[in-house]
Amino acid sequence: MGGNLAALAHENGWAGIVVHGCIRDSAEISSVPVGVKALNTSPRKSAKEGAGERDAPVSFARVEVSPGEYLYSDEDGIVIADRDLRHA
């Protein structure tokens, strides 16, 4: 993921992105008002291997995230909830 995808995420109203991998253009990404959590940074461009999926569960780090769940993040990590905790 790089700066262009972060800008596109902002244009589409996304609150944040979780990347199980590295991002590039981290300085550019930090200027976009979209939260980004990634394992690290890299100057290399990634290979594009397909269009991806939408509304599919993802699993990494022994955690599964399903469509409709909420992710909350700060500098220390990510919490996953089955409901909107902002209105709890």
N, C-alpha and C. Protein backbone atom coordinates (compact mmCIF):
# COMPACT_ATOMS: atom_id res chain seq x y z
N MET A 1 0.84 -1.17 0.00
CA MET A 1 0.00 0.00 0.00
C MET A 1 0.89 1.24 0.00
N GLY A 2 0.49 2.22 -0.77
CA GLY A 2 1.24 3.47 -0.83
C GLY A 2 0.33 4.67 -0.70
N GLY A 3 0.86 5.81 -0.99
CA GLY A 3 0.15 7.07 -0.84
C GLY A 3 -1.10 7.19 -1.71
N ASN A 4 -1.05 6.65 -2.93
CA ASN A 4 -2.22 6.73 -3.81
C ASN A 4 -3.41 5.99 -3.23
N LEU A 5 -3.19 4.80 -2.67
CA LEU A 5 -4.29 4.04 -2.09
C LEU A 5 -4.83 4.74 -0.84
N ALA A 6 -3.96 5.34 -0.05
CA ALA A 6 -4.42 6.10 1.12
C ALA A 6 -5.30 7.26 0.69
N ALA A 7 -4.91 7.97 -0.34
CA ALA A 7 -5.72 9.08 -0.85
C ALA A 7 -7.07 8.58 -1.37
N LEU A 8 -7.05 7.46 -2.07
CA LEU A 8 -8.29 6.87 -2.57
C LEU A 8 -9.20 6.43 -1.42
N ALA A 9 -8.62 5.87 -0.38
CA ALA A 9 -9.39 5.47 0.80
C ALA A 9 -10.07 6.69 1.42
N HIS A 10 -9.34 7.79 1.52
CA HIS A 10 -9.92 9.03 2.07
C HIS A 10 -11.07 9.53 1.19
N GLU A 11 -10.86 9.53 -0.12
CA GLU A 11 -11.91 9.97 -1.05
C GLU A 11 -13.17 9.13 -0.93
N ASN A 12 -13.01 7.86 -0.57
CA ASN A 12 -14.15 6.95 -0.44
C ASN A 12 -14.72 6.91 0.97
N GLY A 13 -14.22 7.77 1.86
CA GLY A 13 -14.76 7.87 3.21
C GLY A 13 -14.32 6.79 4.18
N TRP A 14 -13.24 6.11 3.89
CA TRP A 14 -12.75 5.08 4.80
C TRP A 14 -12.15 5.72 6.04
N ALA A 15 -12.35 5.09 7.18
CA ALA A 15 -11.76 5.56 8.42
C ALA A 15 -10.34 5.04 8.60
N GLY A 16 -10.07 3.82 8.11
CA GLY A 16 -8.75 3.25 8.30
C GLY A 16 -8.52 2.01 7.46
N ILE A 17 -7.26 1.57 7.48
CA ILE A 17 -6.82 0.39 6.74
C ILE A 17 -5.86 -0.40 7.63
N VAL A 18 -6.03 -1.71 7.66
CA VAL A 18 -5.11 -2.60 8.36
C VAL A 18 -4.38 -3.41 7.29
N VAL A 19 -3.05 -3.39 7.34
CA VAL A 19 -2.23 -4.08 6.35
C VAL A 19 -1.40 -5.15 7.06
N HIS A 20 -1.61 -6.40 6.69
CA HIS A 20 -0.77 -7.48 7.24
C HIS A 20 0.44 -7.60 6.33
N GLY A 21 1.29 -6.61 6.39
CA GLY A 21 2.47 -6.51 5.54
C GLY A 21 3.05 -5.11 5.69
N CYS A 22 3.80 -4.71 4.69
CA CYS A 22 4.48 -3.41 4.72
C CYS A 22 3.77 -2.38 3.85
N ILE A 23 3.95 -1.13 4.21
CA ILE A 23 3.47 -0.01 3.40
C ILE A 23 4.68 0.75 2.89
N ARG A 24 4.47 1.53 1.86
CA ARG A 24 5.52 2.45 1.41
C ARG A 24 4.93 3.85 1.39
N ASP A 25 5.72 4.84 1.15
CA ASP A 25 5.25 6.23 1.15
C ASP A 25 4.66 6.62 2.51
N SER A 26 5.28 6.17 3.59
CA SER A 26 4.71 6.39 4.93
C SER A 26 4.57 7.87 5.27
N ALA A 27 5.48 8.72 4.82
CA ALA A 27 5.35 10.15 5.10
C ALA A 27 4.13 10.72 4.38
N GLU A 28 3.92 10.29 3.14
CA GLU A 28 2.75 10.74 2.39
C GLU A 28 1.46 10.22 3.03
N ILE A 29 1.47 8.95 3.44
CA ILE A 29 0.30 8.35 4.07
C ILE A 29 -0.05 9.07 5.37
N SER A 30 0.95 9.47 6.12
CA SER A 30 0.68 10.14 7.41
C SER A 30 -0.01 11.48 7.23
N SER A 31 0.06 12.06 6.04
CA SER A 31 -0.61 13.35 5.80
C SER A 31 -2.07 13.18 5.37
N VAL A 32 -2.50 11.95 5.14
CA VAL A 32 -3.88 11.67 4.72
C VAL A 32 -4.69 11.32 5.97
N PRO A 33 -5.89 11.90 6.14
CA PRO A 33 -6.68 11.64 7.34
C PRO A 33 -7.40 10.28 7.32
N VAL A 34 -6.60 9.21 7.16
CA VAL A 34 -7.07 7.83 7.23
C VAL A 34 -6.09 7.09 8.14
N GLY A 35 -6.61 6.38 9.12
CA GLY A 35 -5.73 5.62 10.00
C GLY A 35 -5.16 4.42 9.27
N VAL A 36 -3.87 4.16 9.45
CA VAL A 36 -3.23 3.02 8.81
C VAL A 36 -2.40 2.27 9.84
N LYS A 37 -2.64 0.97 9.95
CA LYS A 37 -1.83 0.09 10.79
C LYS A 37 -1.17 -0.92 9.86
N ALA A 38 0.13 -1.07 9.96
CA ALA A 38 0.87 -2.03 9.14
C ALA A 38 2.01 -2.61 9.97
N LEU A 39 2.56 -3.72 9.51
CA LEU A 39 3.64 -4.36 10.24
C LEU A 39 4.93 -3.56 10.16
N ASN A 40 5.15 -2.88 9.03
CA ASN A 40 6.39 -2.12 8.86
C ASN A 40 6.30 -1.29 7.59
N THR A 41 7.41 -0.70 7.20
CA THR A 41 7.50 0.05 5.95
C THR A 41 8.56 -0.58 5.06
N SER A 42 8.46 -0.28 3.77
CA SER A 42 9.43 -0.77 2.79
C SER A 42 9.45 0.21 1.61
N PRO A 43 10.60 0.44 1.02
CA PRO A 43 10.64 1.33 -0.14
C PRO A 43 10.21 0.64 -1.44
N ARG A 44 10.06 -0.68 -1.41
CA ARG A 44 9.74 -1.44 -2.63
C ARG A 44 8.25 -1.52 -2.88
N LYS A 45 7.88 -1.46 -4.14
CA LYS A 45 6.50 -1.62 -4.57
C LYS A 45 6.13 -3.10 -4.49
N SER A 46 4.88 -3.37 -4.12
CA SER A 46 4.44 -4.76 -4.05
C SER A 46 3.97 -5.25 -5.42
N ALA A 47 3.89 -6.56 -5.56
CA ALA A 47 3.34 -7.16 -6.78
C ALA A 47 1.82 -7.14 -6.68
N LYS A 48 1.17 -6.81 -7.76
CA LYS A 48 -0.30 -6.83 -7.79
C LYS A 48 -0.71 -8.18 -8.33
N GLU A 49 -1.37 -8.98 -7.48
CA GLU A 49 -1.69 -10.35 -7.86
C GLU A 49 -3.18 -10.60 -8.07
N GLY A 50 -4.00 -9.58 -8.09
CA GLY A 50 -5.42 -9.79 -8.30
C GLY A 50 -6.24 -8.62 -7.80
N ALA A 51 -7.55 -8.71 -7.99
CA ALA A 51 -8.45 -7.62 -7.63
C ALA A 51 -8.82 -7.63 -6.15
N GLY A 52 -8.61 -8.75 -5.47
CA GLY A 52 -8.99 -8.83 -4.07
C GLY A 52 -10.43 -9.26 -3.92
N GLU A 53 -10.90 -9.27 -2.69
CA GLU A 53 -12.27 -9.67 -2.39
C GLU A 53 -12.93 -8.60 -1.53
N ARG A 54 -14.24 -8.62 -1.52
CA ARG A 54 -15.00 -7.68 -0.71
C ARG A 54 -15.95 -8.48 0.18
N ASP A 55 -16.16 -8.00 1.41
CA ASP A 55 -17.06 -8.64 2.37
C ASP A 55 -16.70 -10.09 2.63
N ALA A 56 -15.42 -10.37 2.73
CA ALA A 56 -14.94 -11.72 3.04
C ALA A 56 -14.18 -11.66 4.36
N PRO A 57 -14.28 -12.70 5.18
CA PRO A 57 -13.50 -12.71 6.42
C PRO A 57 -12.01 -12.80 6.09
N VAL A 58 -11.19 -12.19 6.93
CA VAL A 58 -9.73 -12.29 6.80
C VAL A 58 -9.17 -12.80 8.12
N SER A 59 -8.07 -13.50 8.02
CA SER A 59 -7.47 -14.08 9.21
C SER A 59 -5.96 -13.89 9.15
N PHE A 60 -5.40 -13.32 10.20
CA PHE A 60 -3.95 -13.24 10.35
C PHE A 60 -3.64 -13.03 11.82
N ALA A 61 -2.44 -13.40 12.22
CA ALA A 61 -2.01 -13.30 13.62
C ALA A 61 -2.98 -14.04 14.56
N ARG A 62 -3.50 -15.17 14.07
CA ARG A 62 -4.43 -16.00 14.84
C ARG A 62 -5.73 -15.29 15.22
N VAL A 63 -6.11 -14.28 14.44
CA VAL A 63 -7.35 -13.53 14.68
C VAL A 63 -8.13 -13.49 13.37
N GLU A 64 -9.44 -13.75 13.46
CA GLU A 64 -10.29 -13.62 12.27
C GLU A 64 -11.16 -12.38 12.41
N VAL A 65 -11.23 -11.62 11.35
CA VAL A 65 -12.09 -10.43 11.30
C VAL A 65 -13.14 -10.69 10.23
N SER A 66 -14.41 -10.56 10.61
CA SER A 66 -15.51 -10.84 9.70
C SER A 66 -16.21 -9.56 9.27
N PRO A 67 -16.85 -9.58 8.12
CA PRO A 67 -17.61 -8.41 7.69
C PRO A 67 -18.63 -8.00 8.76
N GLY A 68 -18.76 -6.71 8.96
CA GLY A 68 -19.70 -6.19 9.96
C GLY A 68 -19.09 -5.95 11.32
N GLU A 69 -17.87 -6.42 11.55
CA GLU A 69 -17.21 -6.16 12.82
C GLU A 69 -16.56 -4.78 12.78
N TYR A 70 -16.27 -4.25 13.94
CA TYR A 70 -15.69 -2.91 14.08
C TYR A 70 -14.27 -3.04 14.60
N LEU A 71 -13.36 -2.28 14.02
CA LEU A 71 -11.98 -2.23 14.48
C LEU A 71 -11.70 -0.84 15.04
N TYR A 72 -11.10 -0.81 16.21
CA TYR A 72 -10.70 0.45 16.85
C TYR A 72 -9.20 0.38 17.07
N SER A 73 -8.51 1.47 16.80
CA SER A 73 -7.06 1.45 16.85
C SER A 73 -6.51 2.72 17.47
N ASP A 74 -5.38 2.56 18.15
CA ASP A 74 -4.59 3.71 18.59
C ASP A 74 -3.13 3.33 18.39
N GLU A 75 -2.24 4.09 18.98
CA GLU A 75 -0.81 3.85 18.80
C GLU A 75 -0.36 2.49 19.34
N ASP A 76 -1.13 1.91 20.26
CA ASP A 76 -0.73 0.68 20.92
C ASP A 76 -1.28 -0.59 20.30
N GLY A 77 -2.29 -0.50 19.46
CA GLY A 77 -2.83 -1.71 18.87
C GLY A 77 -4.23 -1.56 18.36
N ILE A 78 -4.88 -2.72 18.13
CA ILE A 78 -6.21 -2.78 17.53
C ILE A 78 -7.12 -3.63 18.41
N VAL A 79 -8.37 -3.20 18.56
CA VAL A 79 -9.39 -3.96 19.26
C VAL A 79 -10.50 -4.24 18.26
N ILE A 80 -11.04 -5.46 18.28
CA ILE A 80 -12.13 -5.84 17.38
C ILE A 80 -13.38 -6.04 18.21
N ALA A 81 -14.51 -5.49 17.74
CA ALA A 81 -15.78 -5.60 18.46
C ALA A 81 -16.88 -6.03 17.50
N ASP A 82 -17.91 -6.67 18.03
CA ASP A 82 -19.02 -7.09 17.19
C ASP A 82 -20.09 -6.01 17.06
N ARG A 83 -19.88 -4.86 17.71
CA ARG A 83 -20.83 -3.75 17.62
C ARG A 83 -20.09 -2.43 17.70
N ASP A 84 -20.78 -1.35 17.37
CA ASP A 84 -20.21 -0.01 17.40
C ASP A 84 -20.07 0.42 18.86
N LEU A 85 -18.86 0.52 19.35
CA LEU A 85 -18.61 0.87 20.75
C LEU A 85 -18.70 2.37 21.02
N ARG A 86 -18.75 3.17 19.97
CA ARG A 86 -18.84 4.61 20.16
C ARG A 86 -20.17 5.02 20.77
N HIS A 87 -21.18 4.17 20.63
CA HIS A 87 -22.51 4.49 21.12
C HIS A 87 -22.96 3.52 22.20
N ALA A 88 -21.98 2.93 22.89
CA ALA A 88 -22.30 1.92 23.92
C ALA A 88 -22.76 2.58 25.21
